[in-house]
Protein backbone atom coordinates (compact mmCIF):
# COMPACT_ATOMS: atom_id res chain seq x y z
CA MET A 1 88.16 53.93 79.81
CA LYS A 2 90.47 56.87 80.51
CA PHE A 3 89.06 59.97 82.18
CA ASN A 4 90.55 63.42 81.70
CA ARG A 5 88.50 65.07 84.42
CA PHE A 6 87.19 63.95 87.77
CA ILE A 7 83.68 65.06 86.82
CA ASP A 8 83.70 62.64 83.88
CA PHE A 9 84.83 59.83 86.19
CA LEU A 10 82.07 60.71 88.65
CA ALA A 11 79.43 60.84 85.90
CA ALA A 12 80.56 57.47 84.55
CA SER A 13 80.53 55.94 88.04
CA ILE A 14 76.97 57.14 88.61
CA CYS A 15 75.62 56.20 85.15
CA THR A 16 77.16 52.74 85.24
CA VAL A 17 76.10 52.25 88.89
CA LEU A 18 79.67 51.83 90.12
CA GLY A 19 80.71 49.79 87.10
CA VAL A 20 77.77 47.36 86.83
CA GLY A 21 77.15 48.70 83.32
CA TYR A 22 80.61 47.53 82.25
CA LEU A 23 79.73 43.87 82.75
CA PRO A 24 80.45 42.05 79.47
CA PHE A 25 76.90 40.76 78.89
CA ALA A 26 73.36 41.89 79.74
CA PRO A 27 74.32 45.05 81.65
CA GLY A 28 70.69 46.25 81.62
CA THR A 29 69.57 43.04 83.28
CA PHE A 30 72.21 43.46 85.97
CA GLY A 31 71.20 47.10 86.39
CA SER A 32 67.62 45.94 86.94
CA ALA A 33 68.93 43.43 89.51
CA VAL A 34 70.60 46.32 91.35
CA GLY A 35 67.17 47.97 91.40
CA VAL A 36 65.73 44.85 93.03
CA GLY A 37 68.53 44.86 95.60
CA LEU A 38 67.87 48.50 96.41
CA PHE A 39 64.15 47.74 96.72
CA TYR A 40 64.92 45.11 99.38
CA TRP A 41 67.33 47.50 101.08
CA LEU A 42 64.61 50.16 101.17
CA THR A 43 61.95 47.75 102.48
CA GLY A 44 60.70 49.05 105.78
CA SER A 45 61.51 52.67 104.99
CA SER A 46 58.72 55.19 104.72
CA LEU A 47 56.92 55.68 101.43
CA GLN A 48 58.17 59.28 101.37
CA PHE A 49 61.79 58.14 101.70
CA TYR A 50 61.28 55.48 99.01
CA PHE A 51 60.01 58.04 96.51
CA LEU A 52 62.67 60.59 97.49
CA PHE A 53 65.25 57.88 96.82
CA ILE A 54 63.76 57.20 93.38
CA LEU A 55 63.71 60.93 92.70
CA GLY A 56 67.38 61.08 93.69
CA VAL A 57 68.29 58.21 91.35
CA VAL A 58 66.36 59.83 88.49
CA GLY A 59 67.95 63.21 89.27
CA LEU A 60 71.45 61.72 89.24
CA GLY A 61 70.62 60.03 85.96
CA PHE A 62 69.47 63.30 84.40
CA LEU A 63 72.62 65.05 85.63
CA THR A 64 75.01 62.43 84.28
CA CYS A 65 73.59 60.42 81.36
CA GLY A 66 73.80 63.20 78.78
CA ARG A 67 77.44 63.81 79.71
CA MET A 68 78.20 60.10 79.34
CA GLU A 69 76.51 59.97 75.91
CA GLN A 70 78.59 62.93 74.76
CA ARG A 71 81.79 61.44 76.12
CA LEU A 72 81.18 58.09 74.42
CA LYS A 73 79.70 59.70 71.28
CA ARG A 74 76.88 57.12 71.31
CA LYS A 75 73.13 57.32 71.84
CA ASP A 76 72.02 55.47 75.01
CA PRO A 77 75.14 53.31 75.39
CA GLY A 78 74.57 49.95 77.06
CA CYS A 79 76.95 50.75 79.90
CA ILE A 80 74.46 53.31 81.28
CA VAL A 81 72.29 51.32 83.69
CA ILE A 82 71.07 53.92 86.18
CA ASP A 83 67.92 54.11 84.03
CA GLU A 84 67.19 50.42 84.67
CA VAL A 85 67.68 50.96 88.39
CA ALA A 86 65.18 53.83 88.39
CA GLY A 87 62.69 51.94 86.24
CA MET A 88 62.87 48.84 88.41
CA LEU A 89 62.36 50.88 91.58
CA LEU A 90 59.27 52.45 90.01
CA ALA A 91 58.02 49.03 88.94
CA LEU A 92 58.28 47.81 92.53
CA SER A 93 56.55 50.81 94.10
CA PHE A 94 53.75 49.78 96.48
CA MET A 95 54.72 46.11 96.10
CA PRO A 96 55.17 43.70 99.00
CA PRO A 97 58.67 42.19 99.26
CA ASP A 98 57.37 38.79 98.11
CA PRO A 99 60.00 36.98 95.99
CA LYS A 100 57.36 35.74 93.51
CA ILE A 101 56.07 39.26 92.91
CA ILE A 102 59.61 40.61 92.65
CA PHE A 103 60.50 37.93 90.09
CA LEU A 104 57.35 38.72 88.10
CA ALA A 105 58.13 42.45 88.26
CA PHE A 106 61.67 41.81 87.06
CA LEU A 107 60.45 39.68 84.16
CA ILE A 108 57.70 42.09 83.08
CA PHE A 109 60.02 45.10 83.39
CA ARG A 110 62.74 43.50 81.26
CA ILE A 111 60.20 42.54 78.58
CA LEU A 112 58.61 46.01 78.50
CA ASP A 113 62.01 47.70 78.56
CA THR A 114 62.96 45.65 75.50
CA LEU A 115 59.66 46.06 73.60
CA LYS A 116 59.32 49.80 74.38
CA PRO A 117 55.51 50.14 74.17
CA TYR A 118 54.07 53.55 73.38
CA PRO A 119 55.23 56.15 74.34
CA ALA A 120 58.51 54.58 75.51
CA ALA A 121 59.96 54.36 72.00
CA LYS A 122 59.22 58.06 71.45
CA PHE A 123 61.08 58.90 74.65
CA GLN A 124 64.05 56.75 73.64
CA ASN A 125 64.42 58.85 70.49
CA GLN A 126 64.74 62.07 72.50
CA PRO A 127 68.23 63.53 72.88
CA GLY A 128 70.32 63.26 76.04
CA ALA A 129 69.18 62.07 79.42
CA VAL A 130 65.47 62.24 78.54
CA GLY A 131 66.07 59.64 75.83
CA VAL A 132 68.14 57.45 78.12
CA ILE A 133 65.88 57.50 81.18
CA GLY A 134 62.39 58.21 79.84
CA ASP A 135 61.71 54.82 78.26
CA ASP A 136 62.76 52.98 81.42
CA LEU A 137 60.54 55.11 83.63
CA ILE A 138 57.61 54.33 81.34
CA ALA A 139 58.45 50.62 81.41
CA GLY A 140 58.56 50.84 85.22
CA ILE A 141 55.18 52.55 85.40
CA TYR A 142 53.62 50.05 82.98
CA THR A 143 55.10 47.16 84.97
CA ASN A 144 53.65 48.57 88.17
CA ILE A 145 50.20 48.93 86.58
CA VAL A 146 50.30 45.33 85.32
CA LEU A 147 51.36 44.08 88.76
CA GLN A 148 48.66 46.12 90.51
CA LEU A 149 46.07 44.53 88.21
CA ILE A 150 47.45 41.04 88.80
CA LEU A 151 47.39 41.56 92.57
CA LYS A 152 43.83 42.93 92.37
CA ILE A 153 42.59 39.98 90.30
CA SER A 154 44.63 37.30 92.07
CA PRO A 155 45.74 38.45 95.54
CA GLY A 156 47.20 35.04 96.44
CA ILE A 157 49.65 34.63 93.56
CA SER A 158 51.21 31.18 93.51
CA PHE A 159 53.43 29.67 90.87
């Protein structure tokens, strides 16, 4: 992709999470995996910092995704994966860094992100960044709720 302005290059770099979104298959899945990696990186940080980080990711997404859609002349192009990163980080909020729980979170998030349960589909139809990011944030919140219930019902998850 050729960029005429530095700001377009910067927006594309942010939206695609430094090019992860350009992977030839399943870019959303790889974007979610970046979210998992960031979760592990943030493990041990304060809850305030964790949520400020998520807020920063969401803010960067809102600042750049609409520009990327306009540049590509496509609604929610697959190369934009910052929304998956934000959604995955929300899904993992308040979760212990247990690999089984992380795997379950990843699986549930990907399913919900694909199915787009109400009101995610309504958000996806919105123009610009709201349409790109909104459905993933909802999928992340729903995933977190499901995981919280699972942990409440079965605190010693074992596969």
